[in-house]
Structures are given as C-alpha cells and as structure tokens.
Amino acid sequence: MYHNEITTFHRAPDEAGQLRCRACGAICRVSRGVTGPTCFAEALAGHKRAHDRFTCPRAAEPWHAAALRLYLERQRNPSRVISALLLMELRLLRLRHLHPCVKRSGSVRTNEE
C-alpha cells in the first residue's frame, strides 16, 4: 500500500537523488522522467506533468502495513511519551524485518548459533 509523501514521493525531474521510505527507512526505487499525475486532484482533473517517482520496494510486504500504521499513529499522537513508545515499536519492527542478524523472535543471533 502506497501513501503519498510516506512510501511514495513525486519530485520535479532530477530534484532529488535518493529518498527513503518514512515508514521503514528503505531506499526508494526511482522512475525518472515519468509523465502523469502527482496527486489525487491532478488525477481527477486529468492533468499530467513530468516528474520523478520514488516508491518503497517493501510497501507490498505484510509487515510494512504495520510499520505504516505505527508511523501514522505517531504523527497523529499529541503525547510525547506515547510517541516515544510508538517510535521504539517502529524501530523494533524495522529491526526484526530488515536486519539479517535478528531472528523473528527479536533476539540477536550470535556466532555460536
């Protein structure tokens, strides 16, 4: 699932070199020189313009939806304490799914294993 300015980004041609997904931190794939709408309003109006499209390569993975929900809830939440807990949970989720030395249980592998 893609969300504008979180997991997918539209920029003027050659404006940005590299962008990261705000939900999982992955480096986004880039399609340069795309012609088309860059937002819902442009799509409805039938407007098209040249742009570079950046998309998260992990957006379709099931765990990424959980990361996206945590990110969005953190943005909406006014409490600094709850926001800190949500950030910690988001970091643990990223670590569990992105770091090769972490088992699914969340424990770190050692050389003895």
C-alpha atoms as a PDB file:
ATOM      1  CA  MET A   1       0.000   0.000   0.000  1.00  0.00           C
ATOM      2  CA  TYR A   2       1.445   3.331  -1.037  1.00  0.00           C
ATOM      3  CA  HIS A   3       0.878   6.615   0.780  1.00  0.00           C
ATOM      4  CA  ASN A   4       1.931   9.904  -0.800  1.00  0.00           C
ATOM      5  CA  GLU A   5       4.912  11.511   0.969  1.00  0.00           C
ATOM      6  CA  ILE A   6       5.389   8.456   3.216  1.00  0.00           C
ATOM      7  CA  THR A   7       6.040   5.475   0.922  1.00  0.00           C
ATOM      8  CA  THR A   8       5.828   7.185  -2.464  1.00  0.00           C
ATOM      9  CA  PHE A   9       7.180  10.560  -3.493  1.00  0.00           C
ATOM     10  CA  HIS A  10       6.871  12.745  -6.588  1.00  0.00           C
ATOM     11  CA  ARG A  11       9.579  15.316  -7.285  1.00  0.00           C
ATOM     12  CA  ALA A  12      10.472  17.611 -10.149  1.00  0.00           C
ATOM     13  CA  PRO A  13      12.819  15.867 -12.610  1.00  0.00           C
ATOM     14  CA  ASP A  14      16.319  15.442 -11.142  1.00  0.00           C
ATOM     15  CA  GLU A  15      15.389  17.406  -7.983  1.00  0.00           C
ATOM     16  CA  ALA A  16      16.210  14.544  -5.596  1.00  0.00           C
ATOM     17  CA  GLY A  17      18.916  11.936  -5.826  1.00  0.00           C
ATOM     18  CA  GLN A  18      17.701   9.449  -3.249  1.00  0.00           C
ATOM     19  CA  LEU A  19      14.728   9.287  -0.874  1.00  0.00           C
ATOM     20  CA  ARG A  20      13.851   6.894   1.939  1.00  0.00           C
ATOM     21  CA  CYS A  21      10.502   5.437   2.907  1.00  0.00           C
ATOM     22  CA  ARG A  22       9.335   7.173   6.077  1.00  0.00           C
ATOM     23  CA  ALA A  23       7.643   4.012   7.353  1.00  0.00           C
ATOM     24  CA  CYS A  24      10.511   1.506   7.034  1.00  0.00           C
ATOM     25  CA  GLY A  25      13.574   3.556   6.083  1.00  0.00           C
ATOM     26  CA  ALA A  26      14.285   1.643   2.861  1.00  0.00           C
ATOM     27  CA  ILE A  27      15.887   3.455  -0.060  1.00  0.00           C
ATOM     28  CA  CYS A  28      13.124   4.058  -2.581  1.00  0.00           C
ATOM     29  CA  ARG A  29      13.171   2.835  -6.165  1.00  0.00           C
ATOM     30  CA  VAL A  30      13.146   5.708  -8.625  1.00  0.00           C
ATOM     31  CA  SER A  31      11.484   6.092 -12.007  1.00  0.00           C
ATOM     32  CA  ARG A  32      12.884   9.184 -13.693  1.00  0.00           C
ATOM     33  CA  GLY A  33      11.076  11.323 -16.244  1.00  0.00           C
ATOM     34  CA  VAL A  34       7.615   9.878 -15.629  1.00  0.00           C
ATOM     35  CA  THR A  35       4.702  11.815 -17.107  1.00  0.00           C
ATOM     36  CA  GLY A  36       1.428  11.663 -15.214  1.00  0.00           C
ATOM     37  CA  PRO A  37      -0.496  12.991 -12.213  1.00  0.00           C
ATOM     38  CA  THR A  38       1.367  13.505  -8.938  1.00  0.00           C
ATOM     39  CA  CYS A  39      -1.660  13.670  -6.626  1.00  0.00           C
ATOM     40  CA  PHE A  40      -5.302  12.648  -6.434  1.00  0.00           C
ATOM     41  CA  ALA A  41      -6.588  16.069  -7.549  1.00  0.00           C
ATOM     42  CA  GLU A  42      -4.387  16.021 -10.658  1.00  0.00           C
ATOM     43  CA  ALA A  43      -5.585  12.509 -11.458  1.00  0.00           C
ATOM     44  CA  LEU A  44      -9.236  13.563 -11.206  1.00  0.00           C
ATOM     45  CA  ALA A  45      -8.604  16.632 -13.358  1.00  0.00           C
ATOM     46  CA  GLY A  46      -6.675  14.617 -15.932  1.00  0.00           C
ATOM     47  CA  HIS A  47      -3.548  16.748 -15.527  1.00  0.00           C
ATOM     48  CA  LYS A  48      -0.152  15.300 -16.330  1.00  0.00           C
ATOM     49  CA  ARG A  49       3.352  16.601 -15.779  1.00  0.00           C
ATOM     50  CA  ALA A  50       6.900  15.317 -15.898  1.00  0.00           C
ATOM     51  CA  HIS A  51       8.323  14.165 -12.564  1.00  0.00           C
ATOM     52  CA  ASP A  52      10.471  11.559 -10.866  1.00  0.00           C
ATOM     53  CA  ARG A  53       8.544   8.925  -8.893  1.00  0.00           C
ATOM     54  CA  PHE A  54      10.109   7.289  -5.830  1.00  0.00           C
ATOM     55  CA  THR A  55       8.437   4.207  -4.331  1.00  0.00           C
ATOM     56  CA  CYS A  56       9.266   1.955  -1.394  1.00  0.00           C
ATOM     57  CA  PRO A  57      10.388  -1.504  -2.553  1.00  0.00           C
ATOM     58  CA  ARG A  58       8.851  -3.087   0.568  1.00  0.00           C
ATOM     59  CA  ALA A  59       5.417  -1.424   0.526  1.00  0.00           C
ATOM     60  CA  ALA A  60       3.669  -4.634  -0.559  1.00  0.00           C
ATOM     61  CA  GLU A  61       5.120  -6.756   2.263  1.00  0.00           C
ATOM     62  CA  PRO A  62       2.642  -7.596   5.072  1.00  0.00           C
ATOM     63  CA  TRP A  63       4.839  -6.248   7.887  1.00  0.00           C
ATOM     64  CA  HIS A  64       5.169  -2.912   6.077  1.00  0.00           C
ATOM     65  CA  ALA A  65       1.469  -2.186   6.667  1.00  0.00           C
ATOM     66  CA  ALA A  66       2.131  -2.432  10.414  1.00  0.00           C
ATOM     67  CA  ALA A  67       5.105  -0.073  10.068  1.00  0.00           C
ATOM     68  CA  LEU A  68       2.941   2.378   8.149  1.00  0.00           C
ATOM     69  CA  ARG A  69       0.221   2.294  10.823  1.00  0.00           C
ATOM     70  CA  LEU A  70       2.788   2.912  13.578  1.00  0.00           C
ATOM     71  CA  TYR A  71       4.282   5.823  11.626  1.00  0.00           C
ATOM     72  CA  LEU A  72       0.872   7.412  11.002  1.00  0.00           C
ATOM     73  CA  GLU A  73      -0.248   6.955  14.614  1.00  0.00           C
ATOM     74  CA  ARG A  74       2.976   8.532  15.827  1.00  0.00           C
ATOM     75  CA  GLN A  75       2.339  11.558  13.594  1.00  0.00           C
ATOM     76  CA  ARG A  76      -1.220  11.962  14.926  1.00  0.00           C
ATOM     77  CA  ASN A  77      -0.475  11.407  18.595  1.00  0.00           C
ATOM     78  CA  PRO A  78      -0.003  14.572  20.717  1.00  0.00           C
ATOM     79  CA  SER A  79       1.655  12.758  23.642  1.00  0.00           C
ATOM     80  CA  ARG A  80       5.456  12.812  23.647  1.00  0.00           C
ATOM     81  CA  VAL A  81       5.566   9.705  25.857  1.00  0.00           C
ATOM     82  CA  ILE A  82       3.252   7.669  23.629  1.00  0.00           C
ATOM     83  CA  SER A  83       5.053   8.987  20.555  1.00  0.00           C
ATOM     84  CA  ALA A  84       8.367   7.754  22.001  1.00  0.00           C
ATOM     85  CA  LEU A  85       6.848   4.307  22.640  1.00  0.00           C
ATOM     86  CA  LEU A  86       5.467   4.165  19.099  1.00  0.00           C
ATOM     87  CA  LEU A  87       8.896   5.098  17.727  1.00  0.00           C
ATOM     88  CA  MET A  88      10.511   2.339  19.785  1.00  0.00           C
ATOM     89  CA  GLU A  89       7.945  -0.177  18.492  1.00  0.00           C
ATOM     90  CA  LEU A  90       8.529   1.020  14.911  1.00  0.00           C
ATOM     91  CA  ARG A  91      12.301   0.646  15.309  1.00  0.00           C
ATOM     92  CA  LEU A  92      11.889  -2.882  16.699  1.00  0.00           C
ATOM     93  CA  LEU A  93       9.631  -3.833  13.788  1.00  0.00           C
ATOM     94  CA  ARG A  94      12.175  -2.480  11.293  1.00  0.00           C
ATOM     95  CA  LEU A  95      14.983  -4.302  13.065  1.00  0.00           C
ATOM     96  CA  ARG A  96      13.057  -7.597  13.083  1.00  0.00           C
ATOM     97  CA  HIS A  97      12.389  -7.465   9.342  1.00  0.00           C
ATOM     98  CA  LEU A  98      15.377  -5.634   7.910  1.00  0.00           C
ATOM     99  CA  HIS A  99      18.418  -6.651   9.937  1.00  0.00           C
ATOM    100  CA  PRO A 100      19.917 -10.013   8.909  1.00  0.00           C
ATOM    101  CA  CYS A 101      21.262 -10.806  12.397  1.00  0.00           C
ATOM    102  CA  VAL A 102      17.896 -10.680  14.137  1.00  0.00           C
ATOM    103  CA  LYS A 103      15.637 -13.720  14.378  1.00  0.00           C
ATOM    104  CA  ARG A 104      11.857 -13.379  14.048  1.00  0.00           C
ATOM    105  CA  SER A 105      11.593 -13.568  17.845  1.00  0.00           C
ATOM    106  CA  GLY A 106      13.560 -10.330  18.104  1.00  0.00           C
ATOM    107  CA  SER A 107      16.650 -11.872  19.705  1.00  0.00           C
ATOM    108  CA  VAL A 108      20.058 -11.182  18.238  1.00  0.00           C
ATOM    109  CA  ARG A 109      21.984 -14.113  16.746  1.00  0.00           C
ATOM    110  CA  THR A 110      25.469 -14.829  17.987  1.00  0.00           C
ATOM    111  CA  ASN A 111      28.343 -16.630  16.269  1.00  0.00           C
ATOM    112  CA  GLU A 112      27.717 -19.724  18.423  1.00  0.00           C
ATOM    113  CA  GLU A 113      24.303 -20.347  16.812  1.00  0.00           C
END
